[in-house]
Amino acid sequence: MIMITIDAANKKLGRVASEAAAALLGKHSAEFARNRVAAVRVEIVNASKAALGERKRVQKMYTRYSGYPGGLKTLSLDHVIAQKGYREVFKRAVYGMVPKNKLRARIMKNLSVKE
């Protein structure tokens, strides 16, 4: 299993997330196949030192819907950081960049984020 460490200090959230997503898919290796989970573990370090602009903290919204009338919930990036920390922000960013198929959950198990 290959271990890749990404330092998020002074880097934008999206840049780090896209680099992590590409590594998790195994795009860097010659044995890349879309139908297999790559033997790669990605670790993002210094997540709390990432460059998040003040505008993004206020305007970026995470939504979820319970399925019931009036069940639409929205949280800003600031609230998610306050409640769950930077780990959750990076996991959600990478989760959105990984293909939406049956392998998604297995791929995400190979990601770890350290604040």
C-alpha atoms as a PDB file:
ATOM      1  CA  MET A   1       0.000   0.000   0.000  1.00  0.00           C
ATOM      2  CA  ILE A   2       1.383   3.381  -1.033  1.00  0.00           C
ATOM      3  CA  MET A   3       1.173   6.241   1.496  1.00  0.00           C
ATOM      4  CA  ILE A   4       0.826   9.797   0.150  1.00  0.00           C
ATOM      5  CA  THR A   5       1.005  12.793   2.482  1.00  0.00           C
ATOM      6  CA  ILE A   6      -0.354  16.175   1.405  1.00  0.00           C
ATOM      7  CA  ASP A   7       0.512  19.296   3.397  1.00  0.00           C
ATOM      8  CA  ALA A   8      -2.437  21.713   3.358  1.00  0.00           C
ATOM      9  CA  ALA A   9      -0.634  24.626   5.016  1.00  0.00           C
ATOM     10  CA  ASN A  10      -1.232  27.874   3.048  1.00  0.00           C
ATOM     11  CA  LYS A  11      -2.980  26.005   0.206  1.00  0.00           C
ATOM     12  CA  LYS A  12      -6.539  26.430  -1.049  1.00  0.00           C
ATOM     13  CA  LEU A  13      -9.152  23.864  -0.023  1.00  0.00           C
ATOM     14  CA  GLY A  14     -10.064  22.863  -3.572  1.00  0.00           C
ATOM     15  CA  ARG A  15      -6.483  22.415  -4.714  1.00  0.00           C
ATOM     16  CA  VAL A  16      -5.695  20.071  -1.838  1.00  0.00           C
ATOM     17  CA  ALA A  17      -8.975  18.164  -2.277  1.00  0.00           C
ATOM     18  CA  SER A  18      -8.491  17.625  -6.013  1.00  0.00           C
ATOM     19  CA  GLU A  19      -4.928  16.413  -5.459  1.00  0.00           C
ATOM     20  CA  ALA A  20      -6.165  13.985  -2.797  1.00  0.00           C
ATOM     21  CA  ALA A  21      -9.044  12.750  -4.977  1.00  0.00           C
ATOM     22  CA  ALA A  22      -6.735  12.034  -7.926  1.00  0.00           C
ATOM     23  CA  ALA A  23      -4.332  10.170  -5.651  1.00  0.00           C
ATOM     24  CA  LEU A  24      -7.137   8.116  -4.059  1.00  0.00           C
ATOM     25  CA  LEU A  25      -8.328   7.025  -7.492  1.00  0.00           C
ATOM     26  CA  GLY A  26      -4.811   5.825  -8.334  1.00  0.00           C
ATOM     27  CA  LYS A  27      -4.386   8.137 -11.319  1.00  0.00           C
ATOM     28  CA  HIS A  28      -0.663   8.420 -10.609  1.00  0.00           C
ATOM     29  CA  SER A  29       0.076   4.713 -11.084  1.00  0.00           C
ATOM     30  CA  ALA A  30       0.451   2.614 -14.206  1.00  0.00           C
ATOM     31  CA  GLU A  31      -2.004   0.022 -12.819  1.00  0.00           C
ATOM     32  CA  PHE A  32      -4.895   2.520 -12.814  1.00  0.00           C
ATOM     33  CA  ALA A  33      -8.313   0.959 -13.388  1.00  0.00           C
ATOM     34  CA  ARG A  34     -11.653   2.659 -12.847  1.00  0.00           C
ATOM     35  CA  ASN A  35     -13.290  -0.526 -11.565  1.00  0.00           C
ATOM     36  CA  ARG A  36     -10.814  -1.145  -8.707  1.00  0.00           C
ATOM     37  CA  VAL A  37      -9.930   0.656  -5.511  1.00  0.00           C
ATOM     38  CA  ALA A  38      -6.290   1.702  -5.674  1.00  0.00           C
ATOM     39  CA  ALA A  39      -3.876   0.499  -2.998  1.00  0.00           C
ATOM     40  CA  VAL A  40      -3.216   4.067  -1.858  1.00  0.00           C
ATOM     41  CA  ARG A  41      -3.680   5.791   1.480  1.00  0.00           C
ATOM     42  CA  VAL A  42      -3.810   9.583   1.459  1.00  0.00           C
ATOM     43  CA  GLU A  43      -3.157  11.661   4.551  1.00  0.00           C
ATOM     44  CA  ILE A  44      -3.828  15.399   4.624  1.00  0.00           C
ATOM     45  CA  VAL A  45      -1.848  17.181   7.351  1.00  0.00           C
ATOM     46  CA  ASN A  46      -2.102  20.751   8.696  1.00  0.00           C
ATOM     47  CA  ALA A  47      -5.744  21.019   7.629  1.00  0.00           C
ATOM     48  CA  SER A  48      -6.404  23.846  10.089  1.00  0.00           C
ATOM     49  CA  LYS A  49      -3.661  25.928   8.431  1.00  0.00           C
ATOM     50  CA  ALA A  50      -5.287  25.831   4.985  1.00  0.00           C
ATOM     51  CA  ALA A  51      -5.984  29.123   3.228  1.00  0.00           C
ATOM     52  CA  LEU A  52      -9.739  29.632   3.555  1.00  0.00           C
ATOM     53  CA  GLY A  53     -10.915  33.098   2.579  1.00  0.00           C
ATOM     54  CA  GLU A  54     -13.311  35.032   4.785  1.00  0.00           C
ATOM     55  CA  ARG A  55     -15.885  35.259   1.979  1.00  0.00           C
ATOM     56  CA  LYS A  56     -15.856  31.472   1.489  1.00  0.00           C
ATOM     57  CA  ARG A  57     -16.338  30.909   5.230  1.00  0.00           C
ATOM     58  CA  VAL A  58     -19.547  32.939   5.137  1.00  0.00           C
ATOM     59  CA  GLN A  59     -20.941  32.174   1.659  1.00  0.00           C
ATOM     60  CA  LYS A  60     -20.133  28.462   1.234  1.00  0.00           C
ATOM     61  CA  MET A  61     -23.218  26.525   2.282  1.00  0.00           C
ATOM     62  CA  TYR A  62     -23.670  22.814   2.894  1.00  0.00           C
ATOM     63  CA  THR A  63     -27.229  21.592   2.415  1.00  0.00           C
ATOM     64  CA  ARG A  64     -29.017  18.391   3.280  1.00  0.00           C
ATOM     65  CA  TYR A  65     -32.635  17.375   2.963  1.00  0.00           C
ATOM     66  CA  SER A  66     -34.487  15.022   5.294  1.00  0.00           C
ATOM     67  CA  GLY A  67     -37.202  14.215   2.765  1.00  0.00           C
ATOM     68  CA  TYR A  68     -39.935  15.840   4.828  1.00  0.00           C
ATOM     69  CA  PRO A  69     -41.636  19.169   4.093  1.00  0.00           C
ATOM     70  CA  GLY A  70     -39.565  21.949   5.605  1.00  0.00           C
ATOM     71  CA  GLY A  71     -36.662  19.544   6.125  1.00  0.00           C
ATOM     72  CA  LEU A  72     -34.027  21.469   4.151  1.00  0.00           C
ATOM     73  CA  LYS A  73     -31.072  22.291   6.411  1.00  0.00           C
ATOM     74  CA  THR A  74     -28.208  24.590   5.451  1.00  0.00           C
ATOM     75  CA  LEU A  75     -24.974  25.199   7.329  1.00  0.00           C
ATOM     76  CA  SER A  76     -22.218  27.647   6.428  1.00  0.00           C
ATOM     77  CA  LEU A  77     -18.579  26.626   6.260  1.00  0.00           C
ATOM     78  CA  ASP A  78     -17.943  28.472   9.540  1.00  0.00           C
ATOM     79  CA  HIS A  79     -20.627  26.437  11.330  1.00  0.00           C
ATOM     80  CA  VAL A  80     -19.290  23.140   9.990  1.00  0.00           C
ATOM     81  CA  ILE A  81     -15.775  24.060  11.156  1.00  0.00           C
ATOM     82  CA  ALA A  82     -17.098  25.063  14.579  1.00  0.00           C
ATOM     83  CA  GLN A  83     -19.161  21.889  14.999  1.00  0.00           C
ATOM     84  CA  LYS A  84     -17.038  19.179  13.358  1.00  0.00           C
ATOM     85  CA  GLY A  85     -13.672  20.774  12.568  1.00  0.00           C
ATOM     86  CA  TYR A  86     -11.549  21.071   9.450  1.00  0.00           C
ATOM     87  CA  ARG A  87     -11.487  17.291   9.059  1.00  0.00           C
ATOM     88  CA  GLU A  88     -15.145  17.288   7.981  1.00  0.00           C
ATOM     89  CA  VAL A  89     -14.622  20.131   5.492  1.00  0.00           C
ATOM     90  CA  PHE A  90     -11.808  18.315   3.710  1.00  0.00           C
ATOM     91  CA  LYS A  91     -13.671  14.998   3.727  1.00  0.00           C
ATOM     92  CA  ARG A  92     -16.738  16.613   2.152  1.00  0.00           C
ATOM     93  CA  ALA A  93     -14.616  18.332  -0.498  1.00  0.00           C
ATOM     94  CA  VAL A  94     -12.860  15.103  -1.502  1.00  0.00           C
ATOM     95  CA  TYR A  95     -16.138  13.150  -1.307  1.00  0.00           C
ATOM     96  CA  GLY A  96     -17.635  15.455  -3.926  1.00  0.00           C
ATOM     97  CA  MET A  97     -14.681  14.910  -6.262  1.00  0.00           C
ATOM     98  CA  VAL A  98     -14.669  11.103  -6.136  1.00  0.00           C
ATOM     99  CA  PRO A  99     -16.873   9.316  -8.719  1.00  0.00           C
ATOM    100  CA  LYS A 100     -20.409   8.659  -7.551  1.00  0.00           C
ATOM    101  CA  ASN A 101     -20.505   4.858  -7.761  1.00  0.00           C
ATOM    102  CA  LYS A 102     -20.365   1.748  -5.574  1.00  0.00           C
ATOM    103  CA  LEU A 103     -16.644   2.168  -4.903  1.00  0.00           C
ATOM    104  CA  ARG A 104     -17.019   5.650  -3.386  1.00  0.00           C
ATOM    105  CA  ALA A 105     -17.345   4.518   0.243  1.00  0.00           C
ATOM    106  CA  ARG A 106     -14.410   2.114  -0.058  1.00  0.00           C
ATOM    107  CA  ILE A 107     -12.249   4.808  -1.649  1.00  0.00           C
ATOM    108  CA  MET A 108     -13.079   7.308   1.102  1.00  0.00           C
ATOM    109  CA  LYS A 109     -11.899   4.864   3.787  1.00  0.00           C
ATOM    110  CA  ASN A 110      -8.361   5.424   2.488  1.00  0.00           C
ATOM    111  CA  LEU A 111      -8.449   9.145   3.334  1.00  0.00           C
ATOM    112  CA  SER A 112      -7.320  10.508   6.674  1.00  0.00           C
ATOM    113  CA  VAL A 113      -7.203  14.178   7.675  1.00  0.00           C
ATOM    114  CA  LYS A 114      -5.160  15.576  10.537  1.00  0.00           C
ATOM    115  CA  GLU A 115      -5.647  19.056  11.895  1.00  0.00           C
END
